[in-house]
Amino acid sequence: MNARVHQPVHNNQHAASYYAASANRTIALQPLGGELRADVCIVGGGFSGLNTAIELAQKGLSVVLLEARKIGWGASGRNGGQLIRGVGHGVEQFESVIGAQGVRELKLMGLEAVDIVRKRVEQFSIDCDLTWGYCDLANKPRDLEGFAEDAAELKSLGYQHELRLLQPNQMHEVVGSDRYVGGLIDMGSGHLHPLNLALGEAAAAQALGVQLFEDSTVTRIEYGAEVKVHTANGVVRANNLVLACNAYLGDLNSNLGGKVLPAGSYIIATEPLSVEQAQAIIPKNMALCDQRVALDYYRLSADNRLLFGGACHYSGRDPEDISGYMRPKMLEVFPELKNTRIDFQWGGMIGIGANRLPQIGRLKGRHNVFYAQAYSGHGVNATHLAGKLLGEAIANQASTGFDLFDKVPHMTFPGGKYLRSPLLALGMLWHRMKEVL
């Protein structure tokens, strides 16, 4: 068998990914039935919702979490598993809104976000193959120049982890490919099994008293001093509401939905490689990512499969054959794998915002409705930061971080529901053309 069939996104079961096949626990949750009362209702059972629930439960608030499908069904359980420092892209662009100190705080929170994941894994003893070590890969000499600037800035922020620039003749220390002209090693970033992290966090939330429900699609929300969240068979009455659906928000809230663009990202997983093969292609077992618009990202799994992802699609249409689409990209980097079987192929939607900064805030005109979305491919760490900030804001604790994110305005994508994806696809094509000029 060359590849397993990619499940359609309307299926309520997990995508047929390597992660689903290697999940180390199951959590059997019932759909919501009847009426419940809570301090907070959270919609969305991914990293954002789960971590907000944990933060709130630890502060003594009662929480009900509703997931339309399964815990970790969306990007949280399907992503590349790369845990990389930082939030947003080019946060200096927000200086006119939040000031120079605010920009610095955003950068510091981008470092804190990784530590939140580290501490979550340690506190709840979550087995998710957490492995430290990451390398940015330079496609062009100007990328390497940018890495030097990044390293200097990280040191100025007090970054405590090892950073090391690699010159072209040193690249085989981290990747068995001649495709790159340099790199930046970061030992404070790394990789993990995202679905096992999500399932572990769900178990932690349960242990803290959070009530979790799967197969509980929200059909209607009544806003007001008390929010009423309806599903097919039940309702939750709560003082506060958190919308944490990201790319899968759909029509649940048109204001937020217009500010996040669902974009497809795809991954293939090879058969297990021999120890010698694995060490030849990724000698130090790091996560790796290049710098192109249509980037490649890849790493080894715990059982030595190559997980190779990328090909961000803004068209709204998945490739008919994900393996057929991604395998040539893998072979451009590692041609020696031409006879290696592909065991899994899958994809899913990530949420893209126009300015590439995570959208974390309070819904305008609704003092008790909060949201977190649009992580633009950096969700593993940023979602955990979002949970911390939302927890502080809802518990009425001072949160400079929440206030900073909430101040940044976010553009609604032009073109409406049906045209915004094609319009952005044209824009991204232009950026790709610029790369080869």
Protein backbone atom coordinates (compact mmCIF):
# COMPACT_ATOMS: atom_id res chain seq x y z
CA MET A 1 0.00 0.00 0.00
CA ASN A 2 1.54 3.33 -1.07
CA ALA A 3 -0.60 5.71 0.94
CA ARG A 4 -3.61 5.86 3.19
CA VAL A 5 -6.64 7.74 2.01
CA HIS A 6 -6.98 11.35 3.16
CA GLN A 7 -10.32 11.72 4.92
CA PRO A 8 -12.65 14.52 3.82
CA VAL A 9 -13.00 17.45 6.21
CA HIS A 10 -16.72 16.79 6.79
CA ASN A 11 -15.96 13.47 8.52
CA ASN A 12 -16.30 13.74 12.28
CA GLN A 13 -13.47 11.28 12.91
CA HIS A 14 -9.83 12.32 12.96
CA ALA A 15 -8.08 12.61 9.61
CA ALA A 16 -6.27 9.43 8.63
CA SER A 17 -2.92 10.85 9.69
CA TYR A 18 0.19 9.39 11.23
CA TYR A 19 -0.83 11.20 14.40
CA ALA A 20 -4.22 9.49 14.61
CA ALA A 21 -2.60 6.12 13.95
CA SER A 22 -0.04 6.66 16.73
CA ALA A 23 -2.26 8.37 19.33
CA ASN A 24 -1.33 7.07 22.78
CA ARG A 25 -4.69 7.63 24.46
CA THR A 26 -8.37 7.89 23.67
CA ILE A 27 -10.88 10.19 25.31
CA ALA A 28 -14.51 9.12 25.00
CA LEU A 29 -16.73 12.17 25.29
CA GLN A 30 -20.49 12.40 24.90
CA PRO A 31 -22.40 15.06 22.95
CA LEU A 32 -23.99 17.84 24.98
CA GLY A 33 -27.49 17.01 26.16
CA GLY A 34 -29.86 19.15 28.20
CA GLU A 35 -28.98 22.46 29.82
CA LEU A 36 -25.83 23.38 31.72
CA ARG A 37 -24.69 26.49 33.56
CA ALA A 38 -21.05 27.61 33.74
CA ASP A 39 -18.88 30.63 34.29
CA VAL A 40 -17.41 30.19 30.83
CA CYS A 41 -18.44 28.33 27.67
CA ILE A 42 -15.66 27.60 25.17
CA VAL A 43 -16.40 26.66 21.56
CA GLY A 44 -13.55 24.68 20.01
CA GLY A 45 -11.59 21.68 21.25
CA GLY A 46 -8.16 22.51 19.85
CA PHE A 47 -5.12 23.98 21.59
CA SER A 48 -6.73 27.41 22.06
CA GLY A 49 -9.88 26.09 23.69
CA LEU A 50 -8.16 23.42 25.76
CA ASN A 51 -5.52 25.76 27.15
CA THR A 52 -8.03 28.49 27.92
CA ALA A 53 -10.06 25.86 29.77
CA ILE A 54 -7.03 24.73 31.78
CA GLU A 55 -6.09 28.29 32.69
CA LEU A 56 -9.64 29.13 33.79
CA ALA A 57 -10.12 25.92 35.77
CA GLN A 58 -6.85 26.55 37.59
CA LYS A 59 -8.26 29.95 38.57
CA GLY A 60 -11.39 28.34 40.03
CA LEU A 61 -13.91 29.07 37.27
CA SER A 62 -16.40 26.49 35.99
CA VAL A 63 -15.96 25.71 32.29
CA VAL A 64 -17.91 23.85 29.60
CA LEU A 65 -16.09 23.16 26.32
CA LEU A 66 -17.98 22.21 23.15
CA GLU A 67 -16.22 20.54 20.22
CA ALA A 68 -18.13 20.03 16.97
CA ARG A 69 -16.16 16.89 16.07
CA LYS A 70 -13.34 15.34 18.13
CA ILE A 71 -10.77 16.87 20.45
CA GLY A 72 -7.85 17.99 18.28
CA TRP A 73 -9.78 17.30 15.06
CA GLY A 74 -8.62 20.49 13.32
CA ALA A 75 -5.17 22.00 12.95
CA SER A 76 -4.22 21.18 16.55
CA GLY A 77 -4.20 17.47 15.79
CA ARG A 78 -2.93 17.57 12.20
CA ASN A 79 -0.14 20.17 12.04
CA GLY A 80 3.55 19.67 11.39
CA GLY A 81 4.32 19.43 15.09
CA GLN A 82 6.93 22.19 14.99
CA LEU A 83 7.21 24.21 18.19
CA ILE A 84 8.92 27.43 17.11
CA ARG A 85 9.58 30.66 18.97
CA GLY A 86 7.75 33.82 18.05
CA VAL A 87 4.28 35.12 17.29
CA GLY A 88 3.39 36.97 14.12
CA HIS A 89 5.55 38.20 11.26
CA GLY A 90 7.18 41.61 11.30
CA VAL A 91 5.60 42.80 14.52
CA GLU A 92 7.35 46.18 14.08
CA GLN A 93 4.44 47.10 11.81
CA PHE A 94 2.26 47.54 14.91
CA GLU A 95 4.47 50.15 16.60
CA SER A 96 2.13 52.99 15.63
CA VAL A 97 -0.67 51.23 17.52
CA ILE A 98 1.04 49.76 20.57
CA GLY A 99 4.33 51.65 20.74
CA ALA A 100 7.93 50.45 20.73
CA GLN A 101 7.58 48.90 24.18
CA GLY A 102 4.45 47.07 23.03
CA VAL A 103 6.35 45.61 20.09
CA ARG A 104 9.08 44.45 22.47
CA GLU A 105 6.45 42.84 24.70
CA LEU A 106 5.01 40.95 21.70
CA LYS A 107 8.47 39.61 20.93
CA LEU A 108 9.00 38.54 24.53
CA MET A 109 5.61 36.81 24.56
CA GLY A 110 6.71 34.91 21.45
CA LEU A 111 9.48 33.41 23.57
CA GLU A 112 7.25 32.86 26.58
CA ALA A 113 4.77 30.94 24.42
CA VAL A 114 7.21 28.05 23.92
CA ASP A 115 7.89 27.89 27.64
CA ILE A 116 4.14 27.62 28.31
CA VAL A 117 4.11 24.43 26.22
CA ARG A 118 7.20 23.14 27.98
CA LYS A 119 5.64 23.71 31.40
CA ARG A 120 2.28 22.26 30.37
CA VAL A 121 3.95 19.03 29.24
CA GLU A 122 5.98 18.83 32.46
CA GLN A 123 3.13 19.71 34.83
CA PHE A 124 0.74 17.09 33.46
CA SER A 125 3.36 14.52 32.37
CA ILE A 126 2.07 14.52 28.79
CA ASP A 127 3.76 11.94 26.56
CA CYS A 128 3.99 13.78 23.21
CA ASP A 129 7.54 13.09 21.98
CA LEU A 130 8.70 16.62 22.86
CA THR A 131 12.18 17.03 21.35
CA TRP A 132 14.32 20.16 21.42
CA GLY A 133 16.18 21.48 18.41
CA TYR A 134 15.11 23.47 15.35
CA CYS A 135 16.87 24.97 12.35
CA ASP A 136 15.78 27.75 10.01
CA LEU A 137 17.04 26.96 6.51
CA ALA A 138 18.34 29.66 4.17
CA ASN A 139 17.33 29.35 0.53
CA LYS A 140 19.29 32.46 -0.48
CA PRO A 141 22.23 34.41 0.97
CA ARG A 142 19.91 37.22 2.06
CA ASP A 143 18.05 34.69 4.24
CA LEU A 144 21.27 33.98 6.11
CA GLU A 145 21.83 37.71 6.60
CA GLY A 146 18.35 37.88 8.12
CA PHE A 147 19.19 34.99 10.45
CA ALA A 148 22.18 36.90 11.81
CA GLU A 149 19.89 39.83 12.58
CA ASP A 150 17.37 37.48 14.21
CA ALA A 151 20.03 35.94 16.42
CA ALA A 152 21.29 39.35 17.54
CA GLU A 153 17.78 40.48 18.39
CA LEU A 154 17.00 37.30 20.32
CA LYS A 155 20.12 37.79 22.41
CA SER A 156 19.09 41.42 23.07
CA LEU A 157 15.76 40.07 24.38
CA GLY A 158 17.59 37.85 26.85
CA TYR A 159 17.02 34.57 24.99
CA GLN A 160 18.64 31.85 27.09
CA HIS A 161 18.86 29.02 24.58
CA GLU A 162 21.69 28.13 22.22
CA LEU A 163 21.66 29.91 18.86
CA ARG A 164 24.20 29.13 16.16
CA LEU A 165 24.55 30.38 12.61
CA LEU A 166 25.56 27.77 10.05
CA GLN A 167 27.52 28.60 6.91
CA PRO A 168 27.00 26.68 3.66
CA ASN A 169 29.79 24.19 4.41
CA GLN A 170 28.22 23.38 7.79
CA MET A 171 24.71 22.54 6.62
CA HIS A 172 25.27 18.78 6.56
CA GLU A 173 25.49 18.94 10.34
CA VAL A 174 21.70 19.34 10.40
CA VAL A 175 20.32 18.26 7.01
CA GLY A 176 21.47 15.79 4.38
CA SER A 177 20.64 18.04 1.44
CA ASP A 178 22.60 20.44 -0.75
CA ARG A 179 19.58 22.69 -1.22
CA TYR A 180 20.43 25.30 1.43
CA VAL A 181 23.05 28.05 1.79
CA GLY A 182 22.99 28.40 5.56
CA GLY A 183 20.92 28.05 8.68
CA LEU A 184 20.18 29.16 12.23
CA ILE A 185 20.07 26.51 14.93
CA ASP A 186 17.74 27.27 17.84
CA MET A 187 17.82 24.84 20.74
CA GLY A 188 14.90 26.60 22.45
CA SER A 189 12.48 25.44 19.74
CA GLY A 190 11.70 21.90 18.69
CA HIS A 191 9.00 19.44 17.71
CA LEU A 192 6.34 17.15 19.16
CA HIS A 193 3.33 14.91 18.46
CA PRO A 194 0.52 17.48 18.37
CA LEU A 195 -2.46 15.16 18.69
CA ASN A 196 -0.98 13.45 21.74
CA LEU A 197 -0.36 16.90 23.23
CA ALA A 198 -4.00 17.88 22.61
CA LEU A 199 -5.34 14.64 24.05
CA GLY A 200 -3.08 15.01 27.08
CA GLU A 201 -4.31 18.54 27.63
CA ALA A 202 -7.92 17.38 27.33
CA ALA A 203 -7.27 14.80 30.05
CA ALA A 204 -5.66 17.51 32.18
CA ALA A 205 -8.67 19.78 31.68
CA GLN A 206 -11.01 16.96 32.70
CA ALA A 207 -8.99 16.31 35.83
CA LEU A 208 -9.37 19.99 36.71
CA GLY A 209 -13.15 19.76 36.45
CA VAL A 210 -13.76 21.08 32.93
CA GLN A 211 -16.80 19.51 31.26
CA LEU A 212 -15.86 18.49 27.72
CA PHE A 213 -18.30 17.49 24.97
CA GLU A 214 -17.59 16.16 21.48
CA ASP A 215 -19.90 15.89 18.46
CA SER A 216 -21.57 19.05 19.73
CA THR A 217 -21.78 21.53 16.86
CA VAL A 218 -22.93 24.95 17.98
CA THR A 219 -26.01 25.90 15.96
CA ARG A 220 -26.88 29.25 17.49
CA ILE A 221 -25.58 31.79 19.99
CA GLU A 222 -27.75 34.20 21.97
CA TYR A 223 -25.61 37.12 23.08
CA GLY A 224 -26.34 39.19 26.17
CA ALA A 225 -25.37 39.60 29.81
CA GLU A 226 -25.77 35.82 29.93
CA VAL A 227 -24.71 34.02 26.78
CA LYS A 228 -26.74 31.04 25.60
CA VAL A 229 -24.91 28.59 23.35
CA HIS A 230 -27.15 26.10 21.55
CA THR A 231 -26.35 22.71 20.04
CA ALA A 232 -28.73 20.21 18.47
CA ASN A 233 -29.52 18.61 21.82
CA GLY A 234 -28.54 21.07 24.50
CA VAL A 235 -27.74 24.58 25.64
CA VAL A 236 -25.03 26.12 27.79
CA ARG A 237 -25.76 29.29 29.76
CA ALA A 238 -22.60 31.15 30.71
CA ASN A 239 -21.32 34.50 31.91
CA ASN A 240 -18.57 34.48 29.29
CA LEU A 241 -18.03 32.94 25.87
CA VAL A 242 -14.78 32.04 24.10
CA LEU A 243 -14.79 31.39 20.35
CA ALA A 244 -11.73 29.26 19.58
CA CYS A 245 -12.56 27.68 16.23
CA ASN A 246 -9.87 29.33 14.08
CA ALA A 247 -10.13 28.18 10.43
CA TYR A 248 -13.24 26.16 11.21
CA LEU A 249 -15.34 29.02 12.57
CA GLY A 250 -17.54 28.97 9.46
CA ASP A 251 -20.66 31.12 9.74
CA LEU A 252 -20.84 31.01 13.54
CA ASN A 253 -19.78 34.66 13.80
CA SER A 254 -19.58 36.66 10.58
CA ASN A 255 -17.54 39.47 12.14
CA LEU A 256 -14.71 37.15 13.16
CA GLY A 257 -15.12 34.81 10.21
CA GLY A 258 -14.28 37.55 7.72
CA LYS A 259 -10.94 38.22 9.45
CA VAL A 260 -9.53 34.72 9.14
CA LEU A 261 -8.82 32.91 5.89
CA PRO A 262 -8.80 29.09 5.92
CA ALA A 263 -5.76 27.86 4.00
CA GLY A 264 -4.86 24.25 3.28
CA SER A 265 -1.58 22.73 4.41
CA TYR A 266 -0.50 19.17 3.64
CA ILE A 267 1.78 16.49 5.07
CA ILE A 268 3.05 13.08 4.02
CA ALA A 269 4.70 10.50 6.26
CA THR A 270 7.08 7.88 4.95
CA GLU A 271 7.45 4.34 6.14
CA PRO A 272 9.84 4.07 9.12
CA LEU A 273 13.40 4.71 7.96
CA SER A 274 16.39 2.79 9.14
CA VAL A 275 18.50 4.46 11.81
CA GLU A 276 21.18 5.05 9.18
CA GLN A 277 18.73 6.66 6.75
CA ALA A 278 17.25 8.89 9.44
CA GLN A 279 20.65 10.08 10.62
CA ALA A 280 21.74 10.73 7.05
CA ILE A 281 18.86 13.10 6.26
CA ILE A 282 18.38 14.80 9.66
CA PRO A 283 21.50 14.03 11.73
CA LYS A 284 20.48 15.90 14.90
CA ASN A 285 16.75 15.04 14.86
CA MET A 286 15.74 18.70 14.53
CA ALA A 287 12.66 20.27 13.07
CA LEU A 288 13.52 22.20 9.91
CA CYS A 289 11.80 24.87 7.82
CA ASP A 290 12.87 26.89 4.79
CA GLN A 291 12.10 30.51 3.98
CA ARG A 292 10.03 30.40 0.79
CA VAL A 293 6.43 31.61 0.55
CA ALA A 294 5.35 28.06 -0.28
CA LEU A 295 7.64 26.72 2.41
CA ASP A 296 8.78 23.17 3.15
CA TYR A 297 8.82 22.01 6.77
CA TYR A 298 9.87 18.59 7.93
CA ARG A 299 11.15 16.48 10.79
CA LEU A 300 11.45 12.89 11.99
CA SER A 301 8.78 11.16 14.04
CA ALA A 302 9.62 9.13 17.13
CA ASP A 303 9.66 5.97 14.98
CA ASN A 304 11.94 7.54 12.32
CA ARG A 305 9.38 8.42 9.66
CA LEU A 306 10.03 11.56 7.69
CA LEU A 307 7.08 13.91 8.12
CA PHE A 308 7.23 16.33 5.21
CA GLY A 309 4.77 19.21 4.91
CA GLY A 310 4.03 22.49 3.25
CA ALA A 311 2.32 23.65 0.04
CA CYS A 312 -0.01 26.17 1.67
CA HIS A 313 -3.09 26.48 -0.55
CA TYR A 314 -5.31 29.55 -0.52
CA SER A 315 -7.59 28.33 -3.30
CA GLY A 316 -9.96 26.48 -0.97
CA ARG A 317 -9.45 23.24 -2.92
CA ASP A 318 -7.39 20.30 -1.65
CA PRO A 319 -5.15 18.39 -4.06
CA GLU A 320 -6.90 15.23 -5.29
CA ASP A 321 -3.80 13.20 -4.42
CA ILE A 322 -1.86 14.71 -1.54
CA SER A 323 0.93 12.17 -1.79
CA GLY A 324 1.24 12.76 -5.53
CA TYR A 325 1.45 16.47 -4.88
CA MET A 326 3.87 16.41 -1.92
CA ARG A 327 6.17 13.51 -2.80
CA PRO A 328 7.99 15.41 -5.61
CA LYS A 329 8.64 18.26 -3.19
CA MET A 330 10.14 15.80 -0.70
CA LEU A 331 12.34 14.28 -3.41
CA GLU A 332 13.68 17.71 -4.39
CA VAL A 333 15.16 17.87 -0.89
CA PHE A 334 15.93 14.18 -0.37
CA PRO A 335 16.22 12.41 -3.76
CA GLU A 336 17.66 9.35 -2.01
CA LEU A 337 14.15 8.57 -0.71
CA LYS A 338 12.80 7.86 -4.22
CA ASN A 339 12.13 4.21 -3.34
CA THR A 340 10.68 4.96 0.09
CA ARG A 341 7.00 4.18 0.62
CA ILE A 342 4.54 6.85 1.71
CA ASP A 343 2.33 5.44 4.46
CA PHE A 344 0.18 8.46 5.32
CA GLN A 345 -1.09 11.56 3.57
CA TRP A 346 -3.34 14.20 5.08
CA GLY A 347 -4.14 17.87 5.17
CA GLY A 348 -6.20 20.44 7.00
CA MET A 349 -6.96 24.10 7.35
CA ILE A 350 -4.86 26.67 9.13
CA GLY A 351 -6.19 30.16 9.86
CA ILE A 352 -4.45 33.10 8.16
CA GLY A 353 -4.88 36.73 9.19
CA ALA A 354 -4.15 39.66 6.87
CA ASN A 355 -1.36 41.04 9.10
CA ARG A 356 -0.09 37.61 10.26
CA LEU A 357 -0.50 38.47 13.97
CA PRO A 358 -2.63 36.10 16.06
CA GLN A 359 -6.04 37.61 16.71
CA ILE A 360 -6.69 37.53 20.45
CA GLY A 361 -9.26 39.83 21.95
CA ARG A 362 -12.77 40.75 23.00
CA LEU A 363 -15.57 40.97 20.45
CA LYS A 364 -16.46 44.58 19.76
CA GLY A 365 -19.63 45.56 21.56
CA ARG A 366 -19.71 42.29 23.55
CA HIS A 367 -17.86 42.68 26.84
CA ASN A 368 -18.21 38.98 27.68
CA VAL A 369 -17.30 37.40 24.32
CA PHE A 370 -13.64 36.58 23.68
CA TYR A 371 -11.83 34.99 20.76
CA ALA A 372 -8.51 33.60 19.57
CA GLN A 373 -7.72 32.70 15.95
CA ALA A 374 -5.52 33.28 12.86
CA TYR A 375 -2.17 31.87 13.99
CA SER A 376 -0.86 31.82 10.42
CA GLY A 377 1.07 28.57 10.75
CA HIS A 378 2.64 29.23 14.17
CA GLY A 379 -0.19 27.87 16.25
CA VAL A 380 1.46 25.27 18.48
CA ASN A 381 3.03 27.91 20.71
CA ALA A 382 0.73 30.88 20.03
CA THR A 383 -2.41 28.94 20.98
CA HIS A 384 -0.93 28.22 24.39
CA LEU A 385 -0.11 31.89 24.85
CA ALA A 386 -3.67 32.75 23.81
CA GLY A 387 -5.03 30.43 26.50
CA LYS A 388 -2.96 32.16 29.15
CA LEU A 389 -3.99 35.65 28.04
CA LEU A 390 -7.68 34.78 27.71
CA GLY A 391 -7.61 33.14 31.13
CA GLU A 392 -6.21 36.32 32.68
CA ALA A 393 -8.69 38.60 30.93
CA ILE A 394 -11.77 36.50 31.76
CA ALA A 395 -10.70 36.12 35.39
CA ASN A 396 -10.37 39.92 35.56
CA GLN A 397 -6.66 39.75 36.20
CA ALA A 398 -4.42 42.47 34.81
CA SER A 399 -3.13 41.28 31.44
CA THR A 400 -0.85 43.62 29.55
CA GLY A 401 -0.44 40.93 26.92
CA PHE A 402 -4.16 40.58 26.28
CA ASP A 403 -4.56 44.35 26.08
CA LEU A 404 -1.77 44.61 23.50
CA PHE A 405 -3.26 41.98 21.23
CA ASP A 406 -6.74 43.42 21.67
CA LYS A 407 -5.57 46.87 20.54
CA VAL A 408 -4.30 45.71 17.16
CA PRO A 409 -6.96 46.13 14.42
CA HIS A 410 -7.53 43.28 11.98
CA MET A 411 -8.71 43.73 8.43
CA THR A 412 -11.68 41.87 7.04
CA PHE A 413 -10.59 40.07 3.87
CA PRO A 414 -12.15 41.58 0.75
CA GLY A 415 -14.34 39.57 -1.57
CA GLY A 416 -16.68 38.03 0.96
CA LYS A 417 -16.93 34.34 1.82
CA TYR A 418 -16.51 33.04 -1.73
CA LEU A 419 -14.01 35.44 -3.32
CA ARG A 420 -11.52 36.10 -0.53
CA SER A 421 -9.61 32.83 -1.09
CA PRO A 422 -9.14 33.30 -4.87
CA LEU A 423 -8.08 36.91 -4.34
CA LEU A 424 -5.45 35.97 -1.77
CA ALA A 425 -4.28 33.08 -3.97
CA LEU A 426 -3.51 35.63 -6.70
CA GLY A 427 -1.62 37.78 -4.22
CA MET A 428 0.47 34.86 -2.99
CA LEU A 429 1.26 33.88 -6.59
CA TRP A 430 2.78 37.33 -7.04
CA HIS A 431 4.97 36.85 -3.97
CA ARG A 432 6.13 33.46 -5.26
CA MET A 433 7.04 35.02 -8.61
CA LYS A 434 9.10 37.66 -6.81
CA GLU A 435 11.15 34.90 -5.16
CA VAL A 436 12.56 33.78 -8.51
CA LEU A 437 13.25 37.27 -9.83
